[in-house]
Amino acid sequence: MIMNPAMQHKKLSDGGWARLSLLQQLGNVGSEVGRAVNAKTPEDKRLASYRALELLDLTIAGNSFKTKNGLREIARAREVLCDFLLGDNIYHSDGDSLERYFMNFAVAAQLNK
């Protein structure tokens, strides 16, 4: 079954995402990255990849960055993630390092509660 990736996080795109801190948002992206990296089937990988990218797009669109450099870093992370999950991996990324990058935000979000 092919699902429309734009519909995966409808509730979040209706404003719920903006209520989360940047750390929480990126930690949630990390969950989807982990699902994509550890997917058992190509279809599961594709769907998790689209969900991760959708969440990153919501983060970028929300513009909750304190600095221009923060926005640049998240946009670059999206580029690297696209390249790894859906592209030719020209940046020579690996799943473990991408999972660690995003999951560190989840840990930081928990520490900042």
N, C-alpha and C. Protein backbone atom coordinates (compact mmCIF):
# COMPACT_ATOMS: atom_id res chain seq x y z
N MET A 1 0.84 -1.18 0.00
CA MET A 1 0.00 0.00 0.00
C MET A 1 0.88 1.24 0.00
N ILE A 2 0.64 2.15 -0.91
CA ILE A 2 1.40 3.39 -0.98
C ILE A 2 0.60 4.47 -0.28
N MET A 3 1.21 5.08 0.71
CA MET A 3 0.53 6.13 1.48
C MET A 3 1.07 7.48 1.06
N ASN A 4 0.24 8.48 1.17
CA ASN A 4 0.67 9.85 0.88
C ASN A 4 1.49 10.33 2.07
N PRO A 5 2.80 10.54 1.90
CA PRO A 5 3.63 10.95 3.03
C PRO A 5 3.21 12.28 3.63
N ALA A 6 2.56 13.12 2.86
CA ALA A 6 2.14 14.43 3.38
C ALA A 6 1.06 14.28 4.43
N MET A 7 0.40 13.16 4.47
CA MET A 7 -0.71 12.96 5.41
C MET A 7 -0.26 12.26 6.69
N GLN A 8 0.98 11.93 6.83
CA GLN A 8 1.44 11.16 7.97
C GLN A 8 1.31 11.91 9.30
N HIS A 9 1.53 13.18 9.30
CA HIS A 9 1.54 13.95 10.55
C HIS A 9 0.54 15.11 10.48
N LYS A 10 -0.68 14.81 10.06
CA LYS A 10 -1.68 15.86 9.86
C LYS A 10 -1.93 16.65 11.15
N LYS A 11 -2.08 15.97 12.27
CA LYS A 11 -2.35 16.68 13.53
C LYS A 11 -1.19 17.60 13.90
N LEU A 12 0.01 17.14 13.66
CA LEU A 12 1.17 17.97 13.99
C LEU A 12 1.27 19.17 13.07
N SER A 13 0.93 18.97 11.80
CA SER A 13 1.02 20.09 10.85
C SER A 13 -0.07 21.13 11.11
N ASP A 14 -1.09 20.78 11.86
CA ASP A 14 -2.17 21.71 12.20
C ASP A 14 -1.83 22.57 13.41
N GLY A 15 -0.60 22.58 13.86
CA GLY A 15 -0.18 23.45 14.94
C GLY A 15 0.43 22.74 16.13
N GLY A 16 0.22 21.43 16.25
CA GLY A 16 0.77 20.69 17.37
C GLY A 16 2.28 20.68 17.39
N TRP A 17 2.87 20.66 16.22
CA TRP A 17 4.33 20.62 16.12
C TRP A 17 4.96 21.89 16.67
N ALA A 18 4.33 23.01 16.41
CA ALA A 18 4.88 24.31 16.84
C ALA A 18 4.88 24.44 18.36
N ARG A 19 4.06 23.67 19.04
CA ARG A 19 4.02 23.73 20.50
C ARG A 19 5.17 22.97 21.16
N LEU A 20 5.87 22.16 20.37
CA LEU A 20 7.02 21.42 20.91
C LEU A 20 8.26 22.30 20.83
N SER A 21 9.18 22.08 21.75
CA SER A 21 10.46 22.79 21.68
C SER A 21 11.26 22.26 20.50
N LEU A 22 12.26 23.01 20.09
CA LEU A 22 13.12 22.57 18.99
C LEU A 22 13.79 21.25 19.34
N LEU A 23 14.22 21.10 20.58
CA LEU A 23 14.83 19.83 21.00
C LEU A 23 13.85 18.68 20.88
N GLN A 24 12.60 18.89 21.29
CA GLN A 24 11.58 17.84 21.17
C GLN A 24 11.31 17.52 19.71
N GLN A 25 11.23 18.54 18.89
CA GLN A 25 10.98 18.31 17.46
C GLN A 25 12.08 17.45 16.85
N LEU A 26 13.32 17.82 17.10
CA LEU A 26 14.44 17.08 16.50
C LEU A 26 14.59 15.69 17.11
N GLY A 27 14.21 15.54 18.37
CA GLY A 27 14.19 14.21 18.97
C GLY A 27 13.16 13.31 18.30
N ASN A 28 12.01 13.87 17.96
CA ASN A 28 10.99 13.11 17.24
C ASN A 28 11.45 12.75 15.83
N VAL A 29 12.17 13.66 15.21
CA VAL A 29 12.76 13.34 13.90
C VAL A 29 13.69 12.13 14.08
N GLY A 30 14.45 12.13 15.16
CA GLY A 30 15.36 11.02 15.43
C GLY A 30 14.66 9.68 15.53
N SER A 31 13.46 9.67 16.08
CA SER A 31 12.69 8.42 16.15
C SER A 31 12.39 7.88 14.75
N GLU A 32 12.00 8.79 13.86
CA GLU A 32 11.70 8.37 12.49
C GLU A 32 12.97 7.97 11.75
N VAL A 33 14.07 8.67 12.02
CA VAL A 33 15.34 8.29 11.40
C VAL A 33 15.71 6.88 11.85
N GLY A 34 15.55 6.60 13.13
CA GLY A 34 15.83 5.25 13.63
C GLY A 34 14.96 4.20 12.96
N ARG A 35 13.69 4.51 12.76
CA ARG A 35 12.81 3.57 12.07
C ARG A 35 13.26 3.35 10.63
N ALA A 36 13.68 4.41 9.96
CA ALA A 36 14.13 4.29 8.57
C ALA A 36 15.42 3.47 8.49
N VAL A 37 16.35 3.76 9.37
CA VAL A 37 17.65 3.07 9.35
C VAL A 37 17.48 1.58 9.66
N ASN A 38 16.56 1.26 10.56
CA ASN A 38 16.38 -0.13 11.01
C ASN A 38 15.21 -0.84 10.34
N ALA A 39 14.65 -0.26 9.30
CA ALA A 39 13.48 -0.85 8.63
C ALA A 39 13.81 -2.23 8.05
N LYS A 40 12.84 -3.10 8.12
CA LYS A 40 13.00 -4.46 7.61
C LYS A 40 12.70 -4.57 6.12
N THR A 41 11.89 -3.64 5.60
CA THR A 41 11.52 -3.70 4.18
C THR A 41 11.80 -2.35 3.52
N PRO A 42 12.02 -2.35 2.23
CA PRO A 42 12.21 -1.07 1.52
C PRO A 42 11.01 -0.13 1.68
N GLU A 43 9.80 -0.68 1.71
CA GLU A 43 8.61 0.16 1.87
C GLU A 43 8.60 0.82 3.25
N ASP A 44 8.94 0.07 4.29
CA ASP A 44 9.00 0.65 5.63
C ASP A 44 10.06 1.74 5.70
N LYS A 45 11.20 1.50 5.05
CA LYS A 45 12.27 2.51 5.02
C LYS A 45 11.79 3.77 4.32
N ARG A 46 11.13 3.60 3.20
CA ARG A 46 10.64 4.74 2.43
C ARG A 46 9.65 5.56 3.24
N LEU A 47 8.69 4.89 3.87
CA LEU A 47 7.67 5.61 4.63
C LEU A 47 8.27 6.33 5.85
N ALA A 48 9.17 5.67 6.56
CA ALA A 48 9.82 6.31 7.70
C ALA A 48 10.68 7.48 7.24
N SER A 49 11.33 7.33 6.10
CA SER A 49 12.14 8.42 5.54
C SER A 49 11.27 9.63 5.25
N TYR A 50 10.13 9.39 4.62
CA TYR A 50 9.22 10.49 4.32
C TYR A 50 8.70 11.16 5.58
N ARG A 51 8.41 10.34 6.61
CA ARG A 51 7.93 10.93 7.87
C ARG A 51 9.01 11.79 8.51
N ALA A 52 10.25 11.31 8.51
CA ALA A 52 11.36 12.08 9.08
C ALA A 52 11.52 13.40 8.33
N LEU A 53 11.48 13.35 7.02
CA LEU A 53 11.63 14.57 6.22
C LEU A 53 10.46 15.52 6.41
N GLU A 54 9.26 14.96 6.55
CA GLU A 54 8.10 15.81 6.80
C GLU A 54 8.25 16.56 8.13
N LEU A 55 8.73 15.87 9.15
CA LEU A 55 8.92 16.52 10.44
C LEU A 55 10.01 17.59 10.36
N LEU A 56 11.07 17.31 9.64
CA LEU A 56 12.11 18.33 9.45
C LEU A 56 11.54 19.53 8.70
N ASP A 57 10.72 19.28 7.71
CA ASP A 57 10.10 20.38 6.96
C ASP A 57 9.20 21.22 7.87
N LEU A 58 8.46 20.56 8.75
CA LEU A 58 7.62 21.31 9.71
C LEU A 58 8.49 22.15 10.65
N THR A 59 9.62 21.59 11.05
CA THR A 59 10.55 22.32 11.91
C THR A 59 11.09 23.55 11.20
N ILE A 60 11.52 23.36 9.97
CA ILE A 60 12.07 24.47 9.19
C ILE A 60 11.00 25.52 8.94
N ALA A 61 9.80 25.09 8.60
CA ALA A 61 8.70 26.02 8.31
C ALA A 61 8.28 26.80 9.55
N GLY A 62 8.44 26.18 10.73
CA GLY A 62 8.05 26.84 11.97
C GLY A 62 9.00 27.95 12.36
N ASN A 63 10.20 27.93 11.80
CA ASN A 63 11.18 28.99 12.00
C ASN A 63 11.37 29.33 13.48
N SER A 64 11.55 28.30 14.30
CA SER A 64 11.73 28.52 15.73
C SER A 64 13.21 28.61 16.10
N PHE A 65 14.03 29.05 15.16
CA PHE A 65 15.47 29.11 15.38
C PHE A 65 15.87 30.46 15.96
N LYS A 66 16.80 30.42 16.87
CA LYS A 66 17.27 31.66 17.47
C LYS A 66 18.29 32.34 16.59
N THR A 67 18.95 31.57 15.74
CA THR A 67 19.98 32.14 14.87
C THR A 67 19.82 31.61 13.45
N LYS A 68 20.38 32.34 12.53
CA LYS A 68 20.40 31.88 11.14
C LYS A 68 21.22 30.60 11.02
N ASN A 69 22.25 30.47 11.84
CA ASN A 69 23.08 29.27 11.81
C ASN A 69 22.29 28.03 12.23
N GLY A 70 21.34 28.19 13.14
CA GLY A 70 20.51 27.06 13.54
C GLY A 70 19.67 26.56 12.39
N LEU A 71 19.08 27.47 11.66
CA LEU A 71 18.31 27.10 10.48
C LEU A 71 19.21 26.43 9.44
N ARG A 72 20.38 26.98 9.25
CA ARG A 72 21.32 26.41 8.28
C ARG A 72 21.71 24.98 8.67
N GLU A 73 21.93 24.75 9.96
CA GLU A 73 22.31 23.40 10.40
C GLU A 73 21.19 22.40 10.15
N ILE A 74 19.96 22.79 10.45
CA ILE A 74 18.84 21.87 10.26
C ILE A 74 18.61 21.62 8.77
N ALA A 75 18.75 22.64 7.96
CA ALA A 75 18.61 22.46 6.51
C ALA A 75 19.71 21.53 5.99
N ARG A 76 20.91 21.68 6.50
CA ARG A 76 22.00 20.79 6.09
C ARG A 76 21.75 19.37 6.58
N ALA A 77 21.26 19.22 7.79
CA ALA A 77 20.93 17.88 8.29
C ALA A 77 19.88 17.22 7.40
N ARG A 78 18.91 18.01 6.94
CA ARG A 78 17.88 17.47 6.04
C ARG A 78 18.52 17.01 4.73
N GLU A 79 19.44 17.80 4.22
CA GLU A 79 20.13 17.46 2.97
C GLU A 79 20.90 16.15 3.11
N VAL A 80 21.63 16.01 4.20
CA VAL A 80 22.41 14.80 4.43
C VAL A 80 21.48 13.60 4.62
N LEU A 81 20.39 13.80 5.35
CA LEU A 81 19.43 12.73 5.57
C LEU A 81 18.79 12.27 4.26
N CYS A 82 18.40 13.23 3.41
CA CYS A 82 17.85 12.89 2.09
C CYS A 82 18.86 12.07 1.28
N ASP A 83 20.09 12.53 1.30
CA ASP A 83 21.15 11.86 0.55
C ASP A 83 21.33 10.43 1.04
N PHE A 84 21.33 10.24 2.36
CA PHE A 84 21.55 8.90 2.91
C PHE A 84 20.36 7.98 2.67
N LEU A 85 19.16 8.47 2.98
CA LEU A 85 17.99 7.60 2.94
C LEU A 85 17.44 7.39 1.53
N LEU A 86 17.50 8.42 0.70
CA LEU A 86 16.82 8.35 -0.59
C LEU A 86 17.74 8.61 -1.78
N GLY A 87 18.96 9.04 -1.51
CA GLY A 87 19.86 9.42 -2.60
C GLY A 87 21.01 8.45 -2.78
N ASP A 88 22.12 8.98 -3.25
CA ASP A 88 23.30 8.17 -3.57
C ASP A 88 24.34 8.14 -2.46
N ASN A 89 24.05 8.76 -1.33
CA ASN A 89 24.96 8.83 -0.18
C ASN A 89 26.31 9.42 -0.57
N ILE A 90 26.27 10.55 -1.25
CA ILE A 90 27.52 11.21 -1.67
C ILE A 90 28.30 11.77 -0.48
N TYR A 91 27.61 11.97 0.65
CA TYR A 91 28.29 12.45 1.85
C TYR A 91 28.90 11.31 2.67
N HIS A 92 28.67 10.08 2.24
CA HIS A 92 29.21 8.89 2.91
C HIS A 92 28.76 8.81 4.37
N SER A 93 27.50 9.09 4.59
CA SER A 93 26.93 9.01 5.94
C SER A 93 26.65 7.55 6.29
N ASP A 94 26.44 7.32 7.57
CA ASP A 94 26.01 5.99 8.00
C ASP A 94 24.85 6.14 8.97
N GLY A 95 24.04 5.12 9.04
CA GLY A 95 22.83 5.15 9.85
C GLY A 95 23.09 5.40 11.32
N ASP A 96 24.13 4.79 11.85
CA ASP A 96 24.45 4.97 13.27
C ASP A 96 24.73 6.43 13.61
N SER A 97 25.53 7.10 12.79
CA SER A 97 25.86 8.49 13.10
C SER A 97 24.64 9.40 12.96
N LEU A 98 23.79 9.13 11.99
CA LEU A 98 22.58 9.94 11.83
C LEU A 98 21.62 9.73 13.00
N GLU A 99 21.47 8.48 13.42
CA GLU A 99 20.63 8.20 14.59
C GLU A 99 21.17 8.92 15.82
N ARG A 100 22.47 8.83 16.05
CA ARG A 100 23.08 9.49 17.21
C ARG A 100 22.87 11.00 17.16
N TYR A 101 23.07 11.59 15.99
CA TYR A 101 22.91 13.05 15.85
C TYR A 101 21.52 13.47 16.30
N PHE A 102 20.49 12.82 15.77
CA PHE A 102 19.13 13.24 16.09
C PHE A 102 18.70 12.80 17.49
N MET A 103 19.13 11.64 17.94
CA MET A 103 18.69 11.17 19.25
C MET A 103 19.33 11.97 20.38
N ASN A 104 20.45 12.62 20.12
CA ASN A 104 21.01 13.51 21.14
C ASN A 104 20.05 14.65 21.47
N PHE A 105 19.26 15.07 20.50
CA PHE A 105 18.26 16.10 20.77
C PHE A 105 17.17 15.57 21.69
N ALA A 106 16.79 14.31 21.52
CA ALA A 106 15.78 13.71 22.39
C ALA A 106 16.29 13.64 23.83
N VAL A 107 17.54 13.28 23.99
CA VAL A 107 18.14 13.23 25.33
C VAL A 107 18.17 14.63 25.94
N ALA A 108 18.60 15.60 25.16
CA ALA A 108 18.65 16.99 25.64
C ALA A 108 17.25 17.50 26.01
N ALA A 109 16.24 17.11 25.23
CA ALA A 109 14.87 17.54 25.54
C ALA A 109 14.43 16.96 26.88
N GLN A 110 14.77 15.72 27.15
CA GLN A 110 14.41 15.09 28.42
C GLN A 110 15.13 15.77 29.60
N LEU A 111 16.37 16.17 29.39
CA LEU A 111 17.14 16.83 30.44
C LEU A 111 16.64 18.25 30.71
N ASN A 112 16.01 18.87 29.72
CA ASN A 112 15.52 20.25 29.86
C ASN A 112 14.08 20.35 30.31
N LYS A 113 13.50 19.25 30.73
CA LYS A 113 12.09 19.29 31.19
C LYS A 113 11.97 20.01 32.50
